[in-house]
Amino acid sequence: MDATILPIWNALYEVLKDRPDLFISALILMYALSERAERKTMSKQNLELTSKMHEQNTDTNELLGQIKFLLELLTKGRR
C-alpha cells in the first residue's frame, strides 16, 4: 500500500472506532461509489461497442452495394 494513503486509513479507522454508527454510512457510501464507477465503465464499454457496430454496419453496407452492382453487371451480360 502506498505510504501516503496509510495515514488517511489510520485516521478513518480512528473515526470509525469512535463512531460505529458512521460505519454503516461509510459502507453505503462505498457501495454507491462502486456502483457509479461500474455504471461508468459499462457505459464506456457500451459506447465503444456501439461505435464498432456502426463501423461494421457501414462496411457491410458498402460491401453489399458492391455485390449488388456486380450482380447487376453479371445479369445484364446474360440478357
PDB file of N, CA and C in Angstrom:
ATOM      1  N   MET A   1       0.847  -1.171   0.000  1.00  0.00           N
ATOM      2  CA  MET A   1       0.000   0.000   0.000  1.00  0.00           C
ATOM      3  C   MET A   1       0.896   1.239   0.000  1.00  0.00           C
ATOM      4  N   ASP A   2       0.450   2.249  -0.674  1.00  0.00           N
ATOM      5  CA  ASP A   2       1.202   3.497  -0.774  1.00  0.00           C
ATOM      6  C   ASP A   2       1.343   4.142   0.606  1.00  0.00           C
ATOM      7  N   ALA A   3       2.516   4.661   0.903  1.00  0.00           N
ATOM      8  CA  ALA A   3       2.783   5.236   2.224  1.00  0.00           C
ATOM      9  C   ALA A   3       1.977   6.509   2.475  1.00  0.00           C
ATOM     10  N   THR A   4       1.568   7.221   1.411  1.00  0.00           N
ATOM     11  CA  THR A   4       0.799   8.452   1.604  1.00  0.00           C
ATOM     12  C   THR A   4      -0.651   8.157   1.972  1.00  0.00           C
ATOM     13  N   ILE A   5      -1.148   6.997   1.621  1.00  0.00           N
ATOM     14  CA  ILE A   5      -2.538   6.640   1.905  1.00  0.00           C
ATOM     15  C   ILE A   5      -2.688   6.093   3.321  1.00  0.00           C
ATOM     16  N   LEU A   6      -1.633   5.522   3.869  1.00  0.00           N
ATOM     17  CA  LEU A   6      -1.701   4.898   5.185  1.00  0.00           C
ATOM     18  C   LEU A   6      -2.200   5.844   6.278  1.00  0.00           C
ATOM     19  N   PRO A   7      -1.729   7.097   6.369  1.00  0.00           N
ATOM     20  CA  PRO A   7      -2.284   7.992   7.407  1.00  0.00           C
ATOM     21  C   PRO A   7      -3.775   8.255   7.241  1.00  0.00           C
ATOM     22  N   ILE A   8      -4.232   8.307   6.021  1.00  0.00           N
ATOM     23  CA  ILE A   8      -5.660   8.517   5.767  1.00  0.00           C
ATOM     24  C   ILE A   8      -6.461   7.339   6.292  1.00  0.00           C
ATOM     25  N   TRP A   9      -5.995   6.119   6.010  1.00  0.00           N
ATOM     26  CA  TRP A   9      -6.694   4.932   6.501  1.00  0.00           C
ATOM     27  C   TRP A   9      -6.684   4.881   8.027  1.00  0.00           C
ATOM     28  N   ASN A  10      -5.551   5.267   8.622  1.00  0.00           N
ATOM     29  CA  ASN A  10      -5.471   5.280  10.086  1.00  0.00           C
ATOM     30  C   ASN A  10      -6.459   6.286  10.676  1.00  0.00           C
ATOM     31  N   ALA A  11      -6.539   7.461  10.083  1.00  0.00           N
ATOM     32  CA  ALA A  11      -7.480   8.471  10.566  1.00  0.00           C
ATOM     33  C   ALA A  11      -8.921   7.990  10.402  1.00  0.00           C
ATOM     34  N   LEU A  12      -9.208   7.373   9.277  1.00  0.00           N
ATOM     35  CA  LEU A  12     -10.549   6.837   9.050  1.00  0.00           C
ATOM     36  C   LEU A  12     -10.881   5.747  10.061  1.00  0.00           C
ATOM     37  N   TYR A  13      -9.925   4.899  10.331  1.00  0.00           N
ATOM     38  CA  TYR A  13     -10.133   3.837  11.312  1.00  0.00           C
ATOM     39  C   TYR A  13     -10.427   4.417  12.697  1.00  0.00           C
ATOM     40  N   GLU A  14      -9.697   5.448  13.084  1.00  0.00           N
ATOM     41  CA  GLU A  14      -9.915   6.078  14.391  1.00  0.00           C
ATOM     42  C   GLU A  14     -11.317   6.688  14.484  1.00  0.00           C
ATOM     43  N   VAL A  15     -11.747   7.341  13.414  1.00  0.00           N
ATOM     44  CA  VAL A  15     -13.084   7.939  13.414  1.00  0.00           C
ATOM     45  C   VAL A  15     -14.154   6.857  13.519  1.00  0.00           C
ATOM     46  N   LEU A  16     -13.997   5.805  12.756  1.00  0.00           N
ATOM     47  CA  LEU A  16     -14.993   4.730  12.778  1.00  0.00           C
ATOM     48  C   LEU A  16     -14.968   3.974  14.108  1.00  0.00           C
ATOM     49  N   LYS A  17     -13.812   3.905  14.740  1.00  0.00           N
ATOM     50  CA  LYS A  17     -13.717   3.241  16.034  1.00  0.00           C
ATOM     51  C   LYS A  17     -14.467   4.054  17.096  1.00  0.00           C
ATOM     52  N   ASP A  18     -14.356   5.375  17.003  1.00  0.00           N
ATOM     53  CA  ASP A  18     -15.047   6.242  17.951  1.00  0.00           C
ATOM     54  C   ASP A  18     -16.544   6.342  17.661  1.00  0.00           C
ATOM     55  N   ARG A  19     -16.911   6.266  16.391  1.00  0.00           N
ATOM     56  CA  ARG A  19     -18.325   6.416  15.992  1.00  0.00           C
ATOM     57  C   ARG A  19     -18.749   5.231  15.134  1.00  0.00           C
ATOM     58  N   PRO A  20     -19.131   4.107  15.748  1.00  0.00           N
ATOM     59  CA  PRO A  20     -19.505   2.927  14.960  1.00  0.00           C
ATOM     60  C   PRO A  20     -20.748   3.147  14.090  1.00  0.00           C
ATOM     61  N   ASP A  21     -21.576   4.143  14.430  1.00  0.00           N
ATOM     62  CA  ASP A  21     -22.757   4.401  13.612  1.00  0.00           C
ATOM     63  C   ASP A  21     -22.369   4.933  12.234  1.00  0.00           C
ATOM     64  N   LEU A  22     -21.181   5.541  12.151  1.00  0.00           N
ATOM     65  CA  LEU A  22     -20.720   6.033  10.850  1.00  0.00           C
ATOM     66  C   LEU A  22     -20.254   4.907   9.931  1.00  0.00           C
ATOM     67  N   PHE A  23     -20.009   3.739  10.512  1.00  0.00           N
ATOM     68  CA  PHE A  23     -19.548   2.610   9.711  1.00  0.00           C
ATOM     69  C   PHE A  23     -20.561   2.237   8.642  1.00  0.00           C
ATOM     70  N   ILE A  24     -21.832   2.213   9.013  1.00  0.00           N
ATOM     71  CA  ILE A  24     -22.896   1.880   8.054  1.00  0.00           C
ATOM     72  C   ILE A  24     -22.952   2.938   6.958  1.00  0.00           C
ATOM     73  N   SER A  25     -22.834   4.191   7.352  1.00  0.00           N
ATOM     74  CA  SER A  25     -22.838   5.267   6.359  1.00  0.00           C
ATOM     75  C   SER A  25     -21.647   5.138   5.414  1.00  0.00           C
ATOM     76  N   ALA A  26     -20.501   4.782   5.970  1.00  0.00           N
ATOM     77  CA  ALA A  26     -19.302   4.598   5.137  1.00  0.00           C
ATOM     78  C   ALA A  26     -19.501   3.439   4.169  1.00  0.00           C
ATOM     79  N   LEU A  27     -20.110   2.350   4.629  1.00  0.00           N
ATOM     80  CA  LEU A  27     -20.376   1.212   3.743  1.00  0.00           C
ATOM     81  C   LEU A  27     -21.324   1.586   2.608  1.00  0.00           C
ATOM     82  N   ILE A  28     -22.374   2.320   2.954  1.00  0.00           N
ATOM     83  CA  ILE A  28     -23.329   2.740   1.925  1.00  0.00           C
ATOM     84  C   ILE A  28     -22.658   3.656   0.913  1.00  0.00           C
ATOM     85  N   LEU A  29     -21.827   4.559   1.401  1.00  0.00           N
ATOM     86  CA  LEU A  29     -21.107   5.465   0.501  1.00  0.00           C
ATOM     87  C   LEU A  29     -20.163   4.692  -0.408  1.00  0.00           C
ATOM     88  N   MET A  30     -19.435   3.727   0.146  1.00  0.00           N
ATOM     89  CA  MET A  30     -18.516   2.919  -0.673  1.00  0.00           C
ATOM     90  C   MET A  30     -19.298   2.125  -1.720  1.00  0.00           C
ATOM     91  N   TYR A  31     -20.453   1.583  -1.326  1.00  0.00           N
ATOM     92  CA  TYR A  31     -21.288   0.834  -2.265  1.00  0.00           C
ATOM     93  C   TYR A  31     -21.762   1.745  -3.398  1.00  0.00           C
ATOM     94  N   ALA A  32     -22.216   2.937  -3.050  1.00  0.00           N
ATOM     95  CA  ALA A  32     -22.708   3.868  -4.065  1.00  0.00           C
ATOM     96  C   ALA A  32     -21.587   4.278  -5.020  1.00  0.00           C
ATOM     97  N   LEU A  33     -20.406   4.522  -4.487  1.00  0.00           N
ATOM     98  CA  LEU A  33     -19.280   4.908  -5.339  1.00  0.00           C
ATOM     99  C   LEU A  33     -18.862   3.766  -6.256  1.00  0.00           C
ATOM    100  N   SER A  34     -18.878   2.547  -5.743  1.00  0.00           N
ATOM    101  CA  SER A  34     -18.502   1.414  -6.592  1.00  0.00           C
ATOM    102  C   SER A  34     -19.548   1.180  -7.680  1.00  0.00           C
ATOM    103  N   GLU A  35     -20.828   1.344  -7.344  1.00  0.00           N
ATOM    104  CA  GLU A  35     -21.889   1.198  -8.346  1.00  0.00           C
ATOM    105  C   GLU A  35     -21.743   2.250  -9.438  1.00  0.00           C
ATOM    106  N   ARG A  36     -21.450   3.479  -9.042  1.00  0.00           N
ATOM    107  CA  ARG A  36     -21.290   4.565 -10.008  1.00  0.00           C
ATOM    108  C   ARG A  36     -20.106   4.281 -10.933  1.00  0.00           C
ATOM    109  N   ALA A  37     -19.013   3.820 -10.351  1.00  0.00           N
ATOM    110  CA  ALA A  37     -17.837   3.507 -11.163  1.00  0.00           C
ATOM    111  C   ALA A  37     -18.138   2.366 -12.128  1.00  0.00           C
ATOM    112  N   GLU A  38     -18.875   1.369 -11.654  1.00  0.00           N
ATOM    113  CA  GLU A  38     -19.222   0.240 -12.516  1.00  0.00           C
ATOM    114  C   GLU A  38     -20.131   0.693 -13.661  1.00  0.00           C
ATOM    115  N   ARG A  39     -21.123   1.536 -13.341  1.00  0.00           N
ATOM    116  CA  ARG A  39     -22.015   2.037 -14.396  1.00  0.00           C
ATOM    117  C   ARG A  39     -21.249   2.875 -15.409  1.00  0.00           C
ATOM    118  N   LYS A  40     -20.301   3.663 -14.924  1.00  0.00           N
ATOM    119  CA  LYS A  40     -19.500   4.495 -15.818  1.00  0.00           C
ATOM    120  C   LYS A  40     -18.667   3.613 -16.763  1.00  0.00           C
ATOM    121  N   THR A  41     -18.087   2.554 -16.210  1.00  0.00           N
ATOM    122  CA  THR A  41     -17.302   1.620 -17.018  1.00  0.00           C
ATOM    123  C   THR A  41     -18.186   0.923 -18.052  1.00  0.00           C
ATOM    124  N   MET A  42     -19.365   0.487 -17.615  1.00  0.00           N
ATOM    125  CA  MET A  42     -20.278  -0.192 -18.537  1.00  0.00           C
ATOM    126  C   MET A  42     -20.736   0.745 -19.651  1.00  0.00           C
ATOM    127  N   SER A  43     -21.009   1.992 -19.319  1.00  0.00           N
ATOM    128  CA  SER A  43     -21.424   2.963 -20.327  1.00  0.00           C
ATOM    129  C   SER A  43     -20.322   3.178 -21.354  1.00  0.00           C
ATOM    130  N   LYS A  44     -19.090   3.252 -20.880  1.00  0.00           N
ATOM    131  CA  LYS A  44     -17.959   3.443 -21.794  1.00  0.00           C
ATOM    132  C   LYS A  44     -17.818   2.236 -22.719  1.00  0.00           C
ATOM    133  N   GLN A  45     -17.935   1.031 -22.154  1.00  0.00           N
ATOM    134  CA  GLN A  45     -17.848  -0.181 -22.968  1.00  0.00           C
ATOM    135  C   GLN A  45     -18.985  -0.232 -23.980  1.00  0.00           C
ATOM    136  N   ASN A  46     -20.187   0.135 -23.555  1.00  0.00           N
ATOM    137  CA  ASN A  46     -21.327   0.130 -24.477  1.00  0.00           C
ATOM    138  C   ASN A  46     -21.121   1.125 -25.610  1.00  0.00           C
ATOM    139  N   LEU A  47     -20.572   2.296 -25.288  1.00  0.00           N
ATOM    140  CA  LEU A  47     -20.295   3.281 -26.329  1.00  0.00           C
ATOM    141  C   LEU A  47     -19.269   2.758 -27.328  1.00  0.00           C
ATOM    142  N   GLU A  48     -18.224   2.104 -26.824  1.00  0.00           N
ATOM    143  CA  GLU A  48     -17.207   1.542 -27.707  1.00  0.00           C
ATOM    144  C   GLU A  48     -17.804   0.462 -28.603  1.00  0.00           C
ATOM    145  N   LEU A  49     -18.635  -0.408 -28.016  1.00  0.00           N
ATOM    146  CA  LEU A  49     -19.262  -1.470 -28.810  1.00  0.00           C
ATOM    147  C   LEU A  49     -20.211  -0.905 -29.847  1.00  0.00           C
ATOM    148  N   THR A  50     -20.957   0.121 -29.484  1.00  0.00           N
ATOM    149  CA  THR A  50     -21.870   0.757 -30.432  1.00  0.00           C
ATOM    150  C   THR A  50     -21.093   1.370 -31.580  1.00  0.00           C
ATOM    151  N   SER A  51     -19.970   1.986 -31.274  1.00  0.00           N
ATOM    152  CA  SER A  51     -19.134   2.580 -32.312  1.00  0.00           C
ATOM    153  C   SER A  51     -18.602   1.502 -33.264  1.00  0.00           C
ATOM    154  N   LYS A  52     -18.144   0.384 -32.695  1.00  0.00           N
ATOM    155  CA  LYS A  52     -17.640  -0.715 -33.530  1.00  0.00           C
ATOM    156  C   LYS A  52     -18.755  -1.292 -34.404  1.00  0.00           C
ATOM    157  N   MET A  53     -19.951  -1.438 -33.829  1.00  0.00           N
ATOM    158  CA  MET A  53     -21.079  -1.955 -34.598  1.00  0.00           C
ATOM    159  C   MET A  53     -21.428  -1.012 -35.745  1.00  0.00           C
ATOM    160  N   HIS A  54     -21.366   0.293 -35.492  1.00  0.00           N
ATOM    161  CA  HIS A  54     -21.657   1.267 -36.538  1.00  0.00           C
ATOM    162  C   HIS A  54     -20.636   1.154 -37.667  1.00  0.00           C
ATOM    163  N   GLU A  55     -19.362   1.016 -37.310  1.00  0.00           N
ATOM    164  CA  GLU A  55     -18.317   0.858 -38.332  1.00  0.00           C
ATOM    165  C   GLU A  55     -18.546  -0.411 -39.142  1.00  0.00           C
ATOM    166  N   GLN A  56     -18.897  -1.513 -38.466  1.00  0.00           N
ATOM    167  CA  GLN A  56     -19.138  -2.765 -39.171  1.00  0.00           C
ATOM    168  C   GLN A  56     -20.364  -2.660 -40.068  1.00  0.00           C
ATOM    169  N   ASN A  57     -21.404  -1.959 -39.620  1.00  0.00           N
ATOM    170  CA  ASN A  57     -22.588  -1.754 -40.444  1.00  0.00           C
ATOM    171  C   ASN A  57     -22.241  -0.978 -41.706  1.00  0.00           C
ATOM    172  N   THR A  58     -21.421   0.052 -41.540  1.00  0.00           N
ATOM    173  CA  THR A  58     -21.008   0.856 -42.691  1.00  0.00           C
ATOM    174  C   THR A  58     -20.232   0.004 -43.685  1.00  0.00           C
ATOM    175  N   ASP A  59     -19.287  -0.788 -43.175  1.00  0.00           N
ATOM    176  CA  ASP A  59     -18.504  -1.670 -44.051  1.00  0.00           C
ATOM    177  C   ASP A  59     -19.399  -2.683 -44.750  1.00  0.00           C
ATOM    178  N   THR A  60     -20.340  -3.266 -44.018  1.00  0.00           N
ATOM    179  CA  THR A  60     -21.250  -4.259 -44.593  1.00  0.00           C
ATOM    180  C   THR A  60     -22.114  -3.636 -45.677  1.00  0.00           C
ATOM    181  N   ASN A  61     -22.631  -2.443 -45.426  1.00  0.00           N
ATOM    182  CA  ASN A  61     -23.457  -1.773 -46.426  1.00  0.00           C
ATOM    183  C   ASN A  61     -22.664  -1.463 -47.695  1.00  0.00           C
ATOM    184  N   GLU A  62     -21.415  -1.050 -47.541  1.00  0.00           N
ATOM    185  CA  GLU A  62     -20.584  -0.787 -48.718  1.00  0.00           C
ATOM    186  C   GLU A  62     -20.343  -2.065 -49.508  1.00  0.00           C
ATOM    187  N   LEU A  63     -20.046  -3.160 -48.796  1.00  0.00           N
ATOM    188  CA  LEU A  63     -19.814  -4.431 -49.483  1.00  0.00           C
ATOM    189  C   LEU A  63     -21.075  -4.943 -50.169  1.00  0.00           C
ATOM    190  N   LEU A  64     -22.211  -4.794 -49.516  1.00  0.00           N
ATOM    191  CA  LEU A  64     -23.470  -5.212 -50.135  1.00  0.00           C
ATOM    192  C   LEU A  64     -23.772  -4.381 -51.379  1.00  0.00           C
ATOM    193  N   GLY A  65     -23.450  -3.105 -51.335  1.00  0.00           N
ATOM    194  CA  GLY A  65     -23.624  -2.251 -52.514  1.00  0.00           C
ATOM    195  C   GLY A  65     -22.742  -2.706 -53.664  1.00  0.00           C
ATOM    196  N   GLN A  66     -21.509  -3.086 -53.368  1.00  0.00           N
ATOM    197  CA  GLN A  66     -20.607  -3.580 -54.407  1.00  0.00           C
ATOM    198  C   GLN A  66     -21.092  -4.911 -54.973  1.00  0.00           C
ATOM    199  N   ILE A  67     -21.586  -5.793 -54.103  1.00  0.00           N
ATOM    200  CA  ILE A  67     -22.109  -7.081 -54.560  1.00  0.00           C
ATOM    201  C   ILE A  67     -23.328  -6.861 -55.450  1.00  0.00           C
ATOM    202  N   LYS A  68     -24.195  -5.952 -55.039  1.00  0.00           N
ATOM    203  CA  LYS A  68     -25.383  -5.654 -55.846  1.00  0.00           C
ATOM    204  C   LYS A  68     -24.972  -5.137 -57.224  1.00  0.00           C
ATOM    205  N   PHE A  69     -23.989  -4.236 -57.263  1.00  0.00           N
ATOM    206  CA  PHE A  69     -23.509  -3.687 -58.529  1.00  0.00           C
ATOM    207  C   PHE A  69     -22.942  -4.792 -59.414  1.00  0.00           C
ATOM    208  N   LEU A  70     -22.125  -5.674 -58.833  1.00  0.00           N
ATOM    209  CA  LEU A  70     -21.539  -6.765 -59.616  1.00  0.00           C
ATOM    210  C   LEU A  70     -22.607  -7.729 -60.112  1.00  0.00           C
ATOM    211  N   LEU A  71     -23.598  -8.025 -59.299  1.00  0.00           N
ATOM    212  CA  LEU A  71     -24.676  -8.911 -59.748  1.00  0.00           C
ATOM    213  C   LEU A  71     -25.480  -8.283 -60.879  1.00  0.00           C
ATOM    214  N   GLU A  72     -25.687  -6.967 -60.795  1.00  0.00           N
ATOM    215  CA  GLU A  72     -26.403  -6.290 -61.878  1.00  0.00           C
ATOM    216  C   GLU A  72     -25.585  -6.355 -63.173  1.00  0.00           C
ATOM    217  N   LEU A  73     -24.270  -6.190 -63.070  1.00  0.00           N
ATOM    218  CA  LEU A  73     -23.437  -6.303 -64.263  1.00  0.00           C
ATOM    219  C   LEU A  73     -23.488  -7.711 -64.859  1.00  0.00           C
ATOM    220  N   LEU A  74     -23.449  -8.711 -63.973  1.00  0.00           N
ATOM    221  CA  LEU A  74     -23.483 -10.103 -64.453  1.00  0.00           C
ATOM    222  C   LEU A  74     -24.829 -10.430 -65.109  1.00  0.00           C
ATOM    223  N   THR A  75     -25.914  -9.973 -64.529  1.00  0.00           N
ATOM    224  CA  THR A  75     -27.227 -10.307 -65.093  1.00  0.00           C
ATOM    225  C   THR A  75     -27.480  -9.527 -66.380  1.00  0.00           C
ATOM    226  N   LYS A  76     -26.927  -8.322 -66.526  1.00  0.00           N
ATOM    227  CA  LYS A  76     -27.081  -7.572 -67.770  1.00  0.00           C
ATOM    228  C   LYS A  76     -26.349  -8.250 -68.899  1.00  0.00           C
ATOM    229  N   GLY A  77     -25.226  -8.881 -68.592  1.00  0.00           N
ATOM    230  CA  GLY A  77     -24.442  -9.578 -69.617  1.00  0.00           C
ATOM    231  C   GLY A  77     -25.143 -10.812 -70.129  1.00  0.00           C
ATOM    232  N   ARG A  78     -26.073 -11.397 -69.399  1.00  0.00           N
ATOM    233  CA  ARG A  78     -26.771 -12.604 -69.811  1.00  0.00           C
ATOM    234  C   ARG A  78     -27.964 -12.303 -70.700  1.00  0.00           C
ATOM    235  N   ARG A  79     -28.440 -11.080 -70.684  1.00  0.00           N
ATOM    236  CA  ARG A  79     -29.643 -10.769 -71.473  1.00  0.00           C
ATOM    237  C   ARG A  79     -29.363 -10.627 -72.910  1.00  0.00           C
TER     238      ARG A  79
END
